Amino acid sequence: MRVVCLISGDGSNLQALIDWQIKGLLGDAEIVGVVSNKAQAFGLERAKRANIATTVLSHERYPDRCQFDRALISVIDNYEADLIVLAGFMRILTAQFVNHYANRLVNVHPSLLPKYKGLNTHRRAIEAGDSAAGATVHWVTEELDSGGIIRQAEVPIYAHDSEESLRQRVLEAEHSLYPAVIRDLSLGVVAC
């Protein structure tokens, strides 16, 4: 399974995937490309260190989302991707893009969906008095954070938690959850 990861920043989830790949734990999945909309994204350096091809495609070069997404489709299709993994890609994708990769596009979201779609998930969970938070890997659809849930990882919320402490614990959960899901998708353990 040829995997292309889309990033915008640090790339810590990308690094988790790379680490699993280096250790031979990613099943039949292979990260063949990393695409970023930001040239300064540290995730690009992570990919280069692992000898994974990178492409920078700045959204600022395009007059609108549709034209950017068309260019992004062209880049991804050149990698002959079987699975597109959103790993901190901070762009809202158009219906055209999502539909082009229907059942081949996954994301990790820092909440136990369907709770807390969108931003500020940790603050919202703490303010609601929840006893647990977590991460969800889901299929990407046209509606934000609403695609079918593939798998979740739960972490406790402690009385002394801040947004940052909870964010760190959820991120740690993502770093094992996301690679495990990609591995299982490549092995056919999870249906596409």
C-alpha atoms as a PDB file:
ATOM      1  CA  MET A   1       0.000   0.000   0.000  1.00  0.00           C
ATOM      2  CA  ARG A   2       1.578   3.258  -1.162  1.00  0.00           C
ATOM      3  CA  VAL A   3       0.982   5.986   1.434  1.00  0.00           C
ATOM      4  CA  VAL A   4       1.277   9.741   0.975  1.00  0.00           C
ATOM      5  CA  CYS A   5       1.195  11.900   4.104  1.00  0.00           C
ATOM      6  CA  LEU A   6      -0.029  15.495   4.039  1.00  0.00           C
ATOM      7  CA  ILE A   7       1.431  17.827   6.669  1.00  0.00           C
ATOM      8  CA  SER A   8       1.592  21.502   7.578  1.00  0.00           C
ATOM      9  CA  GLY A   9       3.862  21.593  10.598  1.00  0.00           C
ATOM     10  CA  ASP A  10       6.050  19.694  13.033  1.00  0.00           C
ATOM     11  CA  GLY A  11       5.080  16.242  11.793  1.00  0.00           C
ATOM     12  CA  SER A  12       5.084  14.315  15.074  1.00  0.00           C
ATOM     13  CA  ASN A  13       2.433  11.884  13.786  1.00  0.00           C
ATOM     14  CA  LEU A  14       4.459  11.555  10.589  1.00  0.00           C
ATOM     15  CA  GLN A  15       7.492  10.680  12.726  1.00  0.00           C
ATOM     16  CA  ALA A  16       5.498   7.991  14.518  1.00  0.00           C
ATOM     17  CA  LEU A  17       4.597   6.491  11.130  1.00  0.00           C
ATOM     18  CA  ILE A  18       8.208   6.707   9.946  1.00  0.00           C
ATOM     19  CA  ASP A  19       9.422   5.021  13.154  1.00  0.00           C
ATOM     20  CA  TRP A  20       7.013   2.126  12.649  1.00  0.00           C
ATOM     21  CA  GLN A  21       8.072   1.853   9.001  1.00  0.00           C
ATOM     22  CA  ILE A  22      11.797   1.768   9.910  1.00  0.00           C
ATOM     23  CA  LYS A  23      11.101  -0.971  12.485  1.00  0.00           C
ATOM     24  CA  GLY A  24       9.132  -2.994   9.921  1.00  0.00           C
ATOM     25  CA  LEU A  25       5.898  -2.599  11.892  1.00  0.00           C
ATOM     26  CA  LEU A  26       3.787  -0.798   9.271  1.00  0.00           C
ATOM     27  CA  GLY A  27       2.548  -3.982   7.617  1.00  0.00           C
ATOM     28  CA  ASP A  28       2.304  -3.706   3.854  1.00  0.00           C
ATOM     29  CA  ALA A  29       2.206   0.095   3.990  1.00  0.00           C
ATOM     30  CA  GLU A  30       5.081   2.206   2.720  1.00  0.00           C
ATOM     31  CA  ILE A  31       5.275   5.985   2.980  1.00  0.00           C
ATOM     32  CA  VAL A  32       6.304   6.993  -0.538  1.00  0.00           C
ATOM     33  CA  GLY A  33       5.792  10.742  -0.251  1.00  0.00           C
ATOM     34  CA  VAL A  34       5.200  13.633   2.102  1.00  0.00           C
ATOM     35  CA  VAL A  35       3.478  16.777   0.851  1.00  0.00           C
ATOM     36  CA  SER A  36       3.343  20.044   2.781  1.00  0.00           C
ATOM     37  CA  ASN A  37       1.576  23.297   2.062  1.00  0.00           C
ATOM     38  CA  LYS A  38       4.287  25.092   4.097  1.00  0.00           C
ATOM     39  CA  ALA A  39       7.946  25.064   3.071  1.00  0.00           C
ATOM     40  CA  GLN A  40       9.139  25.583   6.662  1.00  0.00           C
ATOM     41  CA  ALA A  41       7.237  22.576   8.062  1.00  0.00           C
ATOM     42  CA  PHE A  42       9.672  20.537  10.159  1.00  0.00           C
ATOM     43  CA  GLY A  43       7.905  17.374   9.040  1.00  0.00           C
ATOM     44  CA  LEU A  44       9.645  17.802   5.664  1.00  0.00           C
ATOM     45  CA  GLU A  45      12.999  17.444   7.420  1.00  0.00           C
ATOM     46  CA  ARG A  46      11.742  14.329   9.205  1.00  0.00           C
ATOM     47  CA  ALA A  47      10.819  12.804   5.831  1.00  0.00           C
ATOM     48  CA  LYS A  48      14.133  13.752   4.224  1.00  0.00           C
ATOM     49  CA  ARG A  49      16.053  12.128   7.095  1.00  0.00           C
ATOM     50  CA  ALA A  50      14.118   8.917   6.370  1.00  0.00           C
ATOM     51  CA  ASN A  51      14.825   9.186   2.611  1.00  0.00           C
ATOM     52  CA  ILE A  52      11.155   9.774   1.798  1.00  0.00           C
ATOM     53  CA  ALA A  53      10.352  12.005  -1.169  1.00  0.00           C
ATOM     54  CA  THR A  54       8.896  15.406  -0.310  1.00  0.00           C
ATOM     55  CA  THR A  55       6.929  18.033  -2.182  1.00  0.00           C
ATOM     56  CA  VAL A  56       6.047  21.562  -1.106  1.00  0.00           C
ATOM     57  CA  LEU A  57       2.878  22.980  -2.603  1.00  0.00           C
ATOM     58  CA  SER A  58       2.059  26.368  -1.106  1.00  0.00           C
ATOM     59  CA  HIS A  59      -1.641  27.159  -0.995  1.00  0.00           C
ATOM     60  CA  GLU A  60      -0.679  30.835  -1.189  1.00  0.00           C
ATOM     61  CA  ARG A  61       0.267  30.379  -4.857  1.00  0.00           C
ATOM     62  CA  TYR A  62      -3.353  29.632  -5.791  1.00  0.00           C
ATOM     63  CA  PRO A  63      -6.286  32.049  -5.961  1.00  0.00           C
ATOM     64  CA  ASP A  64      -8.754  29.682  -4.298  1.00  0.00           C
ATOM     65  CA  ARG A  65      -9.177  26.323  -2.580  1.00  0.00           C
ATOM     66  CA  CYS A  66     -10.410  24.554  -5.702  1.00  0.00           C
ATOM     67  CA  GLN A  67      -7.337  25.399  -7.741  1.00  0.00           C
ATOM     68  CA  PHE A  68      -5.022  24.457  -4.879  1.00  0.00           C
ATOM     69  CA  ASP A  69      -6.814  21.139  -4.380  1.00  0.00           C
ATOM     70  CA  ARG A  70      -6.597  20.371  -8.123  1.00  0.00           C
ATOM     71  CA  ALA A  71      -2.841  20.948  -7.979  1.00  0.00           C
ATOM     72  CA  LEU A  72      -2.606  18.834  -4.803  1.00  0.00           C
ATOM     73  CA  ILE A  73      -4.487  15.978  -6.497  1.00  0.00           C
ATOM     74  CA  SER A  74      -1.983  16.085  -9.351  1.00  0.00           C
ATOM     75  CA  VAL A  75       0.978  15.888  -6.930  1.00  0.00           C
ATOM     76  CA  ILE A  76      -0.531  13.014  -4.939  1.00  0.00           C
ATOM     77  CA  ASP A  77      -1.528  11.092  -8.056  1.00  0.00           C
ATOM     78  CA  ASN A  78       2.071  11.335  -9.311  1.00  0.00           C
ATOM     79  CA  TYR A  79       3.050   9.321  -6.215  1.00  0.00           C
ATOM     80  CA  GLU A  80       0.464   6.665  -7.232  1.00  0.00           C
ATOM     81  CA  ALA A  81      -0.933   6.739  -3.695  1.00  0.00           C
ATOM     82  CA  ASP A  82      -3.234   4.024  -2.419  1.00  0.00           C
ATOM     83  CA  LEU A  83      -3.876   5.828   0.880  1.00  0.00           C
ATOM     84  CA  ILE A  84      -3.664   9.502   1.788  1.00  0.00           C
ATOM     85  CA  VAL A  85      -2.921  10.178   5.446  1.00  0.00           C
ATOM     86  CA  LEU A  86      -3.639  13.603   6.917  1.00  0.00           C
ATOM     87  CA  ALA A  87      -0.986  14.136   9.580  1.00  0.00           C
ATOM     88  CA  GLY A  88      -1.497  17.670  10.801  1.00  0.00           C
ATOM     89  CA  PHE A  89      -2.525  19.075   7.423  1.00  0.00           C
ATOM     90  CA  MET A  90      -4.146  22.361   8.345  1.00  0.00           C
ATOM     91  CA  ARG A  91      -6.317  22.965   5.321  1.00  0.00           C
ATOM     92  CA  ILE A  92     -10.037  22.474   4.816  1.00  0.00           C
ATOM     93  CA  LEU A  93     -10.352  20.211   1.778  1.00  0.00           C
ATOM     94  CA  THR A  94     -12.884  20.737  -0.992  1.00  0.00           C
ATOM     95  CA  ALA A  95     -15.566  18.216  -1.879  1.00  0.00           C
ATOM     96  CA  GLN A  96     -13.752  17.675  -5.186  1.00  0.00           C
ATOM     97  CA  PHE A  97     -10.607  16.553  -3.322  1.00  0.00           C
ATOM     98  CA  VAL A  98     -12.419  14.400  -0.763  1.00  0.00           C
ATOM     99  CA  ASN A  99     -14.504  12.674  -3.430  1.00  0.00           C
ATOM    100  CA  HIS A 100     -11.444  12.031  -5.623  1.00  0.00           C
ATOM    101  CA  TYR A 101      -9.945  10.041  -2.730  1.00  0.00           C
ATOM    102  CA  ALA A 102     -13.150   8.526  -1.349  1.00  0.00           C
ATOM    103  CA  ASN A 103     -12.347   5.566   0.928  1.00  0.00           C
ATOM    104  CA  ARG A 104      -8.612   6.308   0.596  1.00  0.00           C
ATOM    105  CA  LEU A 105      -8.312   9.395   2.834  1.00  0.00           C
ATOM    106  CA  VAL A 106      -7.858   9.183   6.620  1.00  0.00           C
ATOM    107  CA  ASN A 107      -7.330  11.675   9.427  1.00  0.00           C
ATOM    108  CA  VAL A 108      -6.555  11.595  13.131  1.00  0.00           C
ATOM    109  CA  HIS A 109      -8.585  13.983  15.276  1.00  0.00           C
ATOM    110  CA  PRO A 110      -7.768  14.848  18.917  1.00  0.00           C
ATOM    111  CA  SER A 111     -11.105  13.945  20.478  1.00  0.00           C
ATOM    112  CA  LEU A 112     -13.393  10.993  20.899  1.00  0.00           C
ATOM    113  CA  LEU A 113     -15.613  11.742  17.932  1.00  0.00           C
ATOM    114  CA  PRO A 114     -18.422  12.498  17.498  1.00  0.00           C
ATOM    115  CA  LYS A 115     -17.612  14.758  20.467  1.00  0.00           C
ATOM    116  CA  TYR A 116     -15.748  17.996  19.824  1.00  0.00           C
ATOM    117  CA  LYS A 117     -15.390  18.263  16.084  1.00  0.00           C
ATOM    118  CA  GLY A 118     -13.175  21.105  14.919  1.00  0.00           C
ATOM    119  CA  LEU A 119     -10.766  23.066  17.092  1.00  0.00           C
ATOM    120  CA  ASN A 120     -10.052  23.525  20.820  1.00  0.00           C
ATOM    121  CA  THR A 121     -10.973  19.926  21.591  1.00  0.00           C
ATOM    122  CA  HIS A 122      -8.973  19.637  24.828  1.00  0.00           C
ATOM    123  CA  ARG A 123     -10.344  22.834  26.339  1.00  0.00           C
ATOM    124  CA  ARG A 124     -13.874  21.815  25.426  1.00  0.00           C
ATOM    125  CA  ALA A 125     -13.467  18.358  27.013  1.00  0.00           C
ATOM    126  CA  ILE A 126     -12.063  19.863  30.239  1.00  0.00           C
ATOM    127  CA  GLU A 127     -14.759  22.564  30.407  1.00  0.00           C
ATOM    128  CA  ALA A 128     -17.468  19.937  29.902  1.00  0.00           C
ATOM    129  CA  GLY A 129     -16.165  17.996  32.902  1.00  0.00           C
ATOM    130  CA  ASP A 130     -15.477  14.877  30.833  1.00  0.00           C
ATOM    131  CA  SER A 131     -13.619  12.050  32.561  1.00  0.00           C
ATOM    132  CA  ALA A 132     -11.895  10.968  29.345  1.00  0.00           C
ATOM    133  CA  ALA A 133     -10.608  12.379  26.089  1.00  0.00           C
ATOM    134  CA  GLY A 134      -8.709  10.757  23.283  1.00  0.00           C
ATOM    135  CA  ALA A 135      -8.011  10.467  19.596  1.00  0.00           C
ATOM    136  CA  THR A 136     -10.024   9.169  16.671  1.00  0.00           C
ATOM    137  CA  VAL A 137      -8.809   7.911  13.308  1.00  0.00           C
ATOM    138  CA  HIS A 138     -11.601   8.351  10.784  1.00  0.00           C
ATOM    139  CA  TRP A 139     -12.356   8.362   7.089  1.00  0.00           C
ATOM    140  CA  VAL A 140     -12.452  11.867   5.649  1.00  0.00           C
ATOM    141  CA  THR A 141     -15.720  12.993   4.101  1.00  0.00           C
ATOM    142  CA  GLU A 142     -17.051  16.340   2.928  1.00  0.00           C
ATOM    143  CA  GLU A 143     -18.362  17.129   6.411  1.00  0.00           C
ATOM    144  CA  LEU A 144     -15.630  18.144   8.870  1.00  0.00           C
ATOM    145  CA  ASP A 145     -14.635  15.357  11.302  1.00  0.00           C
ATOM    146  CA  SER A 146     -17.740  13.349  10.437  1.00  0.00           C
ATOM    147  CA  GLY A 147     -16.485  10.378   8.415  1.00  0.00           C
ATOM    148  CA  GLY A 148     -16.767   6.814   9.629  1.00  0.00           C
ATOM    149  CA  ILE A 149     -14.757   6.077  12.745  1.00  0.00           C
ATOM    150  CA  ILE A 150     -12.034   3.478  12.196  1.00  0.00           C
ATOM    151  CA  ARG A 151     -10.596   3.298  15.720  1.00  0.00           C
ATOM    152  CA  GLN A 152     -10.237   5.382  18.886  1.00  0.00           C
ATOM    153  CA  ALA A 153      -7.817   5.598  21.791  1.00  0.00           C
ATOM    154  CA  GLU A 154      -9.024   6.919  25.129  1.00  0.00           C
ATOM    155  CA  VAL A 155      -6.991   8.751  27.776  1.00  0.00           C
ATOM    156  CA  PRO A 156      -8.182   9.878  31.218  1.00  0.00           C
ATOM    157  CA  ILE A 157      -8.730  13.519  32.095  1.00  0.00           C
ATOM    158  CA  TYR A 158      -7.318  14.314  35.520  1.00  0.00           C
ATOM    159  CA  ALA A 159      -8.558  17.054  37.864  1.00  0.00           C
ATOM    160  CA  HIS A 160      -5.244  18.904  37.551  1.00  0.00           C
ATOM    161  CA  ASP A 161      -5.113  18.732  33.741  1.00  0.00           C
ATOM    162  CA  SER A 162      -4.476  21.829  31.665  1.00  0.00           C
ATOM    163  CA  GLU A 163      -5.166  21.990  27.949  1.00  0.00           C
ATOM    164  CA  GLU A 164      -1.446  21.418  27.366  1.00  0.00           C
ATOM    165  CA  SER A 165      -1.077  18.406  29.646  1.00  0.00           C
ATOM    166  CA  LEU A 166      -4.144  16.796  28.096  1.00  0.00           C
ATOM    167  CA  ARG A 167      -2.911  17.647  24.593  1.00  0.00           C
ATOM    168  CA  GLN A 168       0.388  15.883  25.298  1.00  0.00           C
ATOM    169  CA  ARG A 169      -1.330  12.718  26.553  1.00  0.00           C
ATOM    170  CA  VAL A 170      -3.704  12.619  23.583  1.00  0.00           C
ATOM    171  CA  LEU A 171      -0.798  13.187  21.185  1.00  0.00           C
ATOM    172  CA  GLU A 172       1.069  10.247  22.741  1.00  0.00           C
ATOM    173  CA  ALA A 173      -2.023   8.111  22.154  1.00  0.00           C
ATOM    174  CA  GLU A 174      -2.156   9.283  18.525  1.00  0.00           C
ATOM    175  CA  HIS A 175       1.458   8.186  18.019  1.00  0.00           C
ATOM    176  CA  SER A 176       0.553   4.541  18.569  1.00  0.00           C
ATOM    177  CA  LEU A 177      -3.054   4.627  17.323  1.00  0.00           C
ATOM    178  CA  TYR A 178      -2.382   6.119  13.877  1.00  0.00           C
ATOM    179  CA  PRO A 179       0.434   3.769  12.798  1.00  0.00           C
ATOM    180  CA  ALA A 180      -1.536   0.757  14.052  1.00  0.00           C
ATOM    181  CA  VAL A 181      -4.536   1.766  11.940  1.00  0.00           C
ATOM    182  CA  ILE A 182      -2.372   2.337   8.848  1.00  0.00           C
ATOM    183  CA  ARG A 183      -0.753  -1.086   9.372  1.00  0.00           C
ATOM    184  CA  ASP A 184      -4.147  -2.752   9.756  1.00  0.00           C
ATOM    185  CA  LEU A 185      -5.540  -1.021   6.679  1.00  0.00           C
ATOM    186  CA  SER A 186      -2.561  -2.261   4.656  1.00  0.00           C
ATOM    187  CA  LEU A 187      -3.116  -5.813   5.887  1.00  0.00           C
ATOM    188  CA  GLY A 188      -6.858  -5.730   5.237  1.00  0.00           C
ATOM    189  CA  VAL A 189      -7.678  -6.017   8.942  1.00  0.00           C
ATOM    190  CA  VAL A 190      -9.796  -2.854   8.638  1.00  0.00           C
ATOM    191  CA  ALA A 191     -12.172  -2.702   5.685  1.00  0.00           C
ATOM    192  CA  CYS A 192     -11.827   0.267   3.342  1.00  0.00           C
END
